[in-house]
Amino acid sequence: MLDIRSFALNQYQYHIYHNHSEIHDDLLSWLATVPLSRAVWDVGEDFADGVLAADIIYNFFPQLIDLAKIHVPRNMSQRTGNWHYLRTEVLPKIGLQLPQMITVDITNGVHRAAELFLLQLRETIQGHLMRARQASHQQSNSGRSYIGGQNRLPQLQTTARQGAILPGINGANQSGINGANYSVTNGMNHSIVNGPNKSGITALN
């Protein structure tokens, strides 16, 4: 299971601090492809309450998150509550461990904390998508191999020891599975306009 605490200490930390403009634009381009309940203008500020993070997770893993537990917060306590739910009940289901100190940084708008989280979340999502694509490809190949074997006529084979002629069916599925590569196009769009809110997230008074 991935731990963002160790993730923050590896090469990505160096990369994000020395290529911030490129990373920022790259994340905005990716976020533009995900249905969100509101526009993104400032990554750190807009992701501080956890609502947009919930939108992203729901878009890719709707069965793993209960949006009724995510609320548009009116204070810091409600904002912290959203992240507590994501950290303890949702993110572990996709193999992502988010230390409490990171959520504190995100909710307080600490410089680039949300971007660091989003980079790891995107990488985790892409890993799940790749494995799903590979599994689908494997099932498709297995089905074609089975049908081909059913329609193939028996061939004659000679055993090396007795020289007898025996009917048999050749052909084992030796097809390989190619993994898909996922990349995100960099863009310079600094605002993201999304469609109507379909998330079902409710606001608290």
C-alpha atoms as a PDB file:
ATOM      1  CA  MET A   1       0.000   0.000   0.000  1.00  0.00           C
ATOM      2  CA  LEU A   2       1.400   3.393  -0.988  1.00  0.00           C
ATOM      3  CA  ASP A   3       2.263   5.892   1.710  1.00  0.00           C
ATOM      4  CA  ILE A   4       2.366   9.539   0.691  1.00  0.00           C
ATOM      5  CA  ARG A   5       4.786  10.238   3.532  1.00  0.00           C
ATOM      6  CA  SER A   6       7.478   8.196   1.785  1.00  0.00           C
ATOM      7  CA  PHE A   7       6.240   9.413  -1.589  1.00  0.00           C
ATOM      8  CA  ALA A   8       6.923  12.998  -0.481  1.00  0.00           C
ATOM      9  CA  LEU A   9      10.555  12.152   0.135  1.00  0.00           C
ATOM     10  CA  ASN A  10      11.328  10.598  -3.237  1.00  0.00           C
ATOM     11  CA  GLN A  11      12.125  12.103  -6.620  1.00  0.00           C
ATOM     12  CA  TYR A  12       8.660  13.598  -7.048  1.00  0.00           C
ATOM     13  CA  GLN A  13       9.294  16.026  -4.217  1.00  0.00           C
ATOM     14  CA  TYR A  14      12.370  17.347  -6.000  1.00  0.00           C
ATOM     15  CA  HIS A  15      10.523  17.420  -9.302  1.00  0.00           C
ATOM     16  CA  ILE A  16       7.505  19.363  -8.068  1.00  0.00           C
ATOM     17  CA  TYR A  17       9.613  22.023  -6.355  1.00  0.00           C
ATOM     18  CA  HIS A  18      11.893  22.558  -9.331  1.00  0.00           C
ATOM     19  CA  ASN A  19       9.296  22.233 -12.096  1.00  0.00           C
ATOM     20  CA  HIS A  20       6.295  23.765 -10.366  1.00  0.00           C
ATOM     21  CA  SER A  21       4.901  25.655 -13.350  1.00  0.00           C
ATOM     22  CA  GLU A  22       4.972  22.556 -15.552  1.00  0.00           C
ATOM     23  CA  ILE A  23       3.487  20.363 -12.801  1.00  0.00           C
ATOM     24  CA  HIS A  24       0.741  22.906 -12.122  1.00  0.00           C
ATOM     25  CA  ASP A  25      -0.282  23.095 -15.778  1.00  0.00           C
ATOM     26  CA  ASP A  26      -0.103  19.313 -16.093  1.00  0.00           C
ATOM     27  CA  LEU A  27      -2.464  18.837 -13.146  1.00  0.00           C
ATOM     28  CA  LEU A  28      -4.889  21.447 -14.483  1.00  0.00           C
ATOM     29  CA  SER A  29      -4.966  19.651 -17.833  1.00  0.00           C
ATOM     30  CA  TRP A  30      -5.732  16.343 -16.111  1.00  0.00           C
ATOM     31  CA  LEU A  31      -8.389  17.882 -13.859  1.00  0.00           C
ATOM     32  CA  ALA A  32     -10.078  19.327 -16.948  1.00  0.00           C
ATOM     33  CA  THR A  33     -10.851  15.741 -18.037  1.00  0.00           C
ATOM     34  CA  VAL A  34     -12.576  14.844 -14.746  1.00  0.00           C
ATOM     35  CA  PRO A  35     -16.170  15.916 -13.970  1.00  0.00           C
ATOM     36  CA  LEU A  36     -16.001  18.175 -10.926  1.00  0.00           C
ATOM     37  CA  SER A  37     -18.703  19.940  -8.935  1.00  0.00           C
ATOM     38  CA  ARG A  38     -17.024  23.322  -9.325  1.00  0.00           C
ATOM     39  CA  ALA A  39     -14.295  25.028 -11.310  1.00  0.00           C
ATOM     40  CA  VAL A  40     -10.652  24.886 -10.249  1.00  0.00           C
ATOM     41  CA  TRP A  41      -8.797  28.189 -10.078  1.00  0.00           C
ATOM     42  CA  ASP A  42      -6.256  27.545  -7.338  1.00  0.00           C
ATOM     43  CA  VAL A  43      -5.320  23.913  -6.649  1.00  0.00           C
ATOM     44  CA  GLY A  44      -4.243  24.472  -3.057  1.00  0.00           C
ATOM     45  CA  GLU A  45      -7.286  26.516  -2.093  1.00  0.00           C
ATOM     46  CA  ASP A  46      -9.901  24.600  -4.081  1.00  0.00           C
ATOM     47  CA  PHE A  47      -8.844  21.171  -2.778  1.00  0.00           C
ATOM     48  CA  ALA A  48      -8.508  22.243   0.856  1.00  0.00           C
ATOM     49  CA  ASP A  49     -12.034  21.149   1.833  1.00  0.00           C
ATOM     50  CA  GLY A  50     -11.858  17.661   0.286  1.00  0.00           C
ATOM     51  CA  VAL A  51     -14.940  18.079  -1.918  1.00  0.00           C
ATOM     52  CA  LEU A  52     -13.102  18.020  -5.250  1.00  0.00           C
ATOM     53  CA  ALA A  53     -10.926  15.121  -4.112  1.00  0.00           C
ATOM     54  CA  ALA A  54     -14.161  13.232  -3.417  1.00  0.00           C
ATOM     55  CA  ASP A  55     -15.404  14.155  -6.915  1.00  0.00           C
ATOM     56  CA  ILE A  56     -12.296  12.630  -8.500  1.00  0.00           C
ATOM     57  CA  ILE A  57     -12.509   9.412  -6.503  1.00  0.00           C
ATOM     58  CA  TYR A  58     -16.238   9.065  -7.211  1.00  0.00           C
ATOM     59  CA  ASN A  59     -15.632   9.505 -10.934  1.00  0.00           C
ATOM     60  CA  PHE A  60     -13.249   6.533 -11.074  1.00  0.00           C
ATOM     61  CA  PHE A  61     -14.422   4.400  -8.111  1.00  0.00           C
ATOM     62  CA  PRO A  62     -18.099   5.261  -7.448  1.00  0.00           C
ATOM     63  CA  GLN A  63     -18.652   2.067  -5.472  1.00  0.00           C
ATOM     64  CA  LEU A  64     -15.939   2.946  -2.944  1.00  0.00           C
ATOM     65  CA  ILE A  65     -17.184   6.311  -1.688  1.00  0.00           C
ATOM     66  CA  ASP A  66     -20.402   7.536  -0.081  1.00  0.00           C
ATOM     67  CA  LEU A  67     -20.908  11.123  -1.185  1.00  0.00           C
ATOM     68  CA  ALA A  68     -23.537  11.603   1.508  1.00  0.00           C
ATOM     69  CA  LYS A  69     -20.613  11.755   3.947  1.00  0.00           C
ATOM     70  CA  ILE A  70     -18.969  14.612   2.044  1.00  0.00           C
ATOM     71  CA  HIS A  71     -20.306  18.098   2.706  1.00  0.00           C
ATOM     72  CA  VAL A  72     -19.538  21.584   1.479  1.00  0.00           C
ATOM     73  CA  PRO A  73     -17.956  22.850   4.696  1.00  0.00           C
ATOM     74  CA  ARG A  74     -18.737  26.080   6.488  1.00  0.00           C
ATOM     75  CA  ASN A  75     -15.873  25.857   8.950  1.00  0.00           C
ATOM     76  CA  MET A  76     -12.535  24.152   9.544  1.00  0.00           C
ATOM     77  CA  SER A  77     -14.107  21.347  11.578  1.00  0.00           C
ATOM     78  CA  GLN A  78     -16.307  20.260   8.658  1.00  0.00           C
ATOM     79  CA  ARG A  79     -13.384  20.583   6.249  1.00  0.00           C
ATOM     80  CA  THR A  80     -11.293  18.344   8.491  1.00  0.00           C
ATOM     81  CA  GLY A  81     -14.209  15.898   8.709  1.00  0.00           C
ATOM     82  CA  ASN A  82     -14.268  15.479   4.925  1.00  0.00           C
ATOM     83  CA  TRP A  83     -10.572  14.649   4.819  1.00  0.00           C
ATOM     84  CA  HIS A  84     -10.839  12.323   7.805  1.00  0.00           C
ATOM     85  CA  TYR A  85     -13.471  10.293   5.957  1.00  0.00           C
ATOM     86  CA  LEU A  86     -11.375  10.173   2.786  1.00  0.00           C
ATOM     87  CA  ARG A  87      -8.191   9.307   4.675  1.00  0.00           C
ATOM     88  CA  THR A  88      -9.635   6.558   6.879  1.00  0.00           C
ATOM     89  CA  GLU A  89     -12.439   4.990   4.834  1.00  0.00           C
ATOM     90  CA  VAL A  90     -11.878   5.668   1.135  1.00  0.00           C
ATOM     91  CA  LEU A  91      -8.239   6.057   0.115  1.00  0.00           C
ATOM     92  CA  PRO A  92      -7.088   2.795   1.774  1.00  0.00           C
ATOM     93  CA  LYS A  93      -9.523   0.937  -0.496  1.00  0.00           C
ATOM     94  CA  ILE A  94      -7.497   1.979  -3.538  1.00  0.00           C
ATOM     95  CA  GLY A  95      -4.197   1.270  -1.815  1.00  0.00           C
ATOM     96  CA  LEU A  96      -3.333   4.836  -0.864  1.00  0.00           C
ATOM     97  CA  GLN A  97      -2.308   5.715   2.684  1.00  0.00           C
ATOM     98  CA  LEU A  98      -2.613   9.413   3.518  1.00  0.00           C
ATOM     99  CA  PRO A  99      -0.938  10.390   6.808  1.00  0.00           C
ATOM    100  CA  GLN A 100      -2.868  12.787   9.012  1.00  0.00           C
ATOM    101  CA  MET A 101      -0.081  15.359   8.836  1.00  0.00           C
ATOM    102  CA  ILE A 102      -0.612  15.597   5.074  1.00  0.00           C
ATOM    103  CA  THR A 103      -4.350  16.211   5.469  1.00  0.00           C
ATOM    104  CA  VAL A 104      -3.563  18.936   8.003  1.00  0.00           C
ATOM    105  CA  ASP A 105      -1.275  20.580   5.452  1.00  0.00           C
ATOM    106  CA  ILE A 106      -3.923  20.291   2.726  1.00  0.00           C
ATOM    107  CA  THR A 107      -6.762  21.686   4.847  1.00  0.00           C
ATOM    108  CA  ASN A 108      -4.568  24.597   5.905  1.00  0.00           C
ATOM    109  CA  GLY A 109      -3.497  25.338   2.342  1.00  0.00           C
ATOM    110  CA  VAL A 110       0.184  24.619   2.933  1.00  0.00           C
ATOM    111  CA  HIS A 111       2.146  25.422  -0.215  1.00  0.00           C
ATOM    112  CA  ARG A 112       1.841  22.621  -2.808  1.00  0.00           C
ATOM    113  CA  ALA A 113       0.555  19.998  -0.357  1.00  0.00           C
ATOM    114  CA  ALA A 114      -2.593  19.448  -2.441  1.00  0.00           C
ATOM    115  CA  GLU A 115      -0.556  19.168  -5.638  1.00  0.00           C
ATOM    116  CA  LEU A 116       1.669  16.544  -4.074  1.00  0.00           C
ATOM    117  CA  PHE A 117      -1.424  14.565  -3.048  1.00  0.00           C
ATOM    118  CA  LEU A 118      -3.014  14.906  -6.483  1.00  0.00           C
ATOM    119  CA  LEU A 119       0.115  13.628  -8.216  1.00  0.00           C
ATOM    120  CA  GLN A 120       0.014  10.457  -6.141  1.00  0.00           C
ATOM    121  CA  LEU A 121      -3.761  10.093  -6.509  1.00  0.00           C
ATOM    122  CA  ARG A 122      -3.459  10.384 -10.285  1.00  0.00           C
ATOM    123  CA  GLU A 123      -0.664   7.802 -10.365  1.00  0.00           C
ATOM    124  CA  THR A 124      -2.758   5.412  -8.257  1.00  0.00           C
ATOM    125  CA  ILE A 125      -5.805   5.856 -10.499  1.00  0.00           C
ATOM    126  CA  GLN A 126      -3.751   5.287 -13.647  1.00  0.00           C
ATOM    127  CA  GLY A 127      -2.345   2.095 -12.131  1.00  0.00           C
ATOM    128  CA  HIS A 128      -5.862   0.783 -11.502  1.00  0.00           C
ATOM    129  CA  LEU A 129      -6.943   1.715 -15.029  1.00  0.00           C
ATOM    130  CA  MET A 130      -3.951  -0.060 -16.540  1.00  0.00           C
ATOM    131  CA  ARG A 131      -4.628  -3.253 -14.586  1.00  0.00           C
ATOM    132  CA  ALA A 132      -8.293  -3.153 -15.586  1.00  0.00           C
ATOM    133  CA  ARG A 133      -7.307  -2.717 -19.246  1.00  0.00           C
ATOM    134  CA  GLN A 134      -4.902  -5.655 -19.014  1.00  0.00           C
ATOM    135  CA  ALA A 135      -7.508  -7.889 -17.356  1.00  0.00           C
ATOM    136  CA  SER A 136     -10.047  -7.050 -20.059  1.00  0.00           C
ATOM    137  CA  HIS A 137      -7.467  -7.760 -22.772  1.00  0.00           C
ATOM    138  CA  GLN A 138      -6.594 -11.091 -21.182  1.00  0.00           C
ATOM    139  CA  GLN A 139     -10.236 -12.162 -20.976  1.00  0.00           C
ATOM    140  CA  SER A 140     -10.775 -11.176 -24.598  1.00  0.00           C
ATOM    141  CA  ASN A 141      -7.763 -13.193 -25.756  1.00  0.00           C
ATOM    142  CA  SER A 142      -8.800 -16.210 -23.681  1.00  0.00           C
ATOM    143  CA  GLY A 143     -12.250 -16.183 -25.255  1.00  0.00           C
ATOM    144  CA  ARG A 144     -10.866 -16.076 -28.786  1.00  0.00           C
ATOM    145  CA  SER A 145      -8.381 -18.838 -27.988  1.00  0.00           C
ATOM    146  CA  TYR A 146     -11.151 -21.096 -26.649  1.00  0.00           C
ATOM    147  CA  ILE A 147     -13.366 -20.552 -29.686  1.00  0.00           C
ATOM    148  CA  GLY A 148     -10.452 -21.177 -32.019  1.00  0.00           C
ATOM    149  CA  GLY A 149      -9.648 -24.431 -30.246  1.00  0.00           C
ATOM    150  CA  GLN A 150     -13.235 -25.622 -30.482  1.00  0.00           C
ATOM    151  CA  ASN A 151     -13.335 -25.083 -34.234  1.00  0.00           C
ATOM    152  CA  ARG A 152      -9.919 -26.590 -34.955  1.00  0.00           C
ATOM    153  CA  LEU A 153      -9.802 -30.090 -36.482  1.00  0.00           C
ATOM    154  CA  PRO A 154      -7.738 -32.763 -34.677  1.00  0.00           C
ATOM    155  CA  GLN A 155      -4.241 -33.225 -36.081  1.00  0.00           C
ATOM    156  CA  LEU A 156      -2.147 -36.387 -36.269  1.00  0.00           C
ATOM    157  CA  GLN A 157       0.823 -36.642 -33.959  1.00  0.00           C
ATOM    158  CA  THR A 158       3.559 -39.304 -33.718  1.00  0.00           C
ATOM    159  CA  THR A 159       4.818 -40.295 -30.298  1.00  0.00           C
ATOM    160  CA  ALA A 160       8.603 -40.585 -30.117  1.00  0.00           C
ATOM    161  CA  ARG A 161       8.662 -43.848 -28.157  1.00  0.00           C
ATOM    162  CA  GLN A 162       6.090 -46.063 -29.936  1.00  0.00           C
ATOM    163  CA  GLY A 163       5.676 -44.445 -33.286  1.00  0.00           C
ATOM    164  CA  ALA A 164       1.908 -44.748 -32.997  1.00  0.00           C
ATOM    165  CA  ILE A 165      -0.378 -42.302 -34.740  1.00  0.00           C
ATOM    166  CA  LEU A 166      -2.649 -40.581 -32.249  1.00  0.00           C
ATOM    167  CA  PRO A 167      -5.264 -37.916 -32.829  1.00  0.00           C
ATOM    168  CA  GLY A 168      -4.833 -34.797 -30.737  1.00  0.00           C
ATOM    169  CA  ILE A 169      -5.469 -31.112 -30.646  1.00  0.00           C
ATOM    170  CA  ASN A 170      -2.547 -28.717 -30.806  1.00  0.00           C
ATOM    171  CA  GLY A 171      -2.557 -25.177 -29.596  1.00  0.00           C
ATOM    172  CA  ALA A 172      -2.179 -23.572 -26.269  1.00  0.00           C
ATOM    173  CA  ASN A 173      -2.934 -19.885 -25.890  1.00  0.00           C
ATOM    174  CA  GLN A 174       0.448 -18.190 -25.906  1.00  0.00           C
ATOM    175  CA  SER A 175      -0.804 -14.716 -26.511  1.00  0.00           C
ATOM    176  CA  GLY A 176       0.810 -11.999 -24.439  1.00  0.00           C
ATOM    177  CA  ILE A 177      -0.774  -9.034 -22.781  1.00  0.00           C
ATOM    178  CA  ASN A 178       0.482  -5.584 -23.579  1.00  0.00           C
ATOM    179  CA  GLY A 179       0.077  -2.898 -20.946  1.00  0.00           C
ATOM    180  CA  ALA A 180      -1.314   0.476 -21.859  1.00  0.00           C
ATOM    181  CA  ASN A 181       0.649   3.634 -21.211  1.00  0.00           C
ATOM    182  CA  TYR A 182      -1.184   6.605 -19.827  1.00  0.00           C
ATOM    183  CA  SER A 183       0.085  10.111 -20.283  1.00  0.00           C
ATOM    184  CA  VAL A 184      -1.330  13.513 -19.550  1.00  0.00           C
ATOM    185  CA  THR A 185      -0.937  16.358 -21.997  1.00  0.00           C
ATOM    186  CA  ASN A 186       0.529  19.498 -20.549  1.00  0.00           C
ATOM    187  CA  GLY A 187      -1.549  22.633 -20.961  1.00  0.00           C
ATOM    188  CA  MET A 188      -1.430  26.287 -20.058  1.00  0.00           C
ATOM    189  CA  ASN A 189      -5.101  26.625 -19.125  1.00  0.00           C
ATOM    190  CA  HIS A 190      -5.183  28.125 -15.655  1.00  0.00           C
ATOM    191  CA  SER A 191      -8.925  27.781 -15.147  1.00  0.00           C
ATOM    192  CA  ILE A 192     -11.148  24.789 -15.485  1.00  0.00           C
ATOM    193  CA  VAL A 193     -14.819  25.041 -16.275  1.00  0.00           C
ATOM    194  CA  ASN A 194     -16.755  21.889 -15.638  1.00  0.00           C
ATOM    195  CA  GLY A 195     -20.294  20.817 -16.308  1.00  0.00           C
ATOM    196  CA  PRO A 196     -23.236  20.841 -13.904  1.00  0.00           C
ATOM    197  CA  ASN A 197     -22.792  19.346 -10.467  1.00  0.00           C
ATOM    198  CA  LYS A 198     -23.762  15.681 -10.605  1.00  0.00           C
ATOM    199  CA  SER A 199     -21.881  14.632  -7.537  1.00  0.00           C
ATOM    200  CA  GLY A 200     -24.757  14.649  -5.066  1.00  0.00           C
ATOM    201  CA  ILE A 201     -22.623  16.451  -2.497  1.00  0.00           C
ATOM    202  CA  THR A 202     -24.763  18.385  -0.040  1.00  0.00           C
ATOM    203  CA  ALA A 203     -24.045  21.628   1.728  1.00  0.00           C
ATOM    204  CA  LEU A 204     -24.170  22.087   5.482  1.00  0.00           C
ATOM    205  CA  ASN A 205     -25.576  25.226   7.065  1.00  0.00           C
END
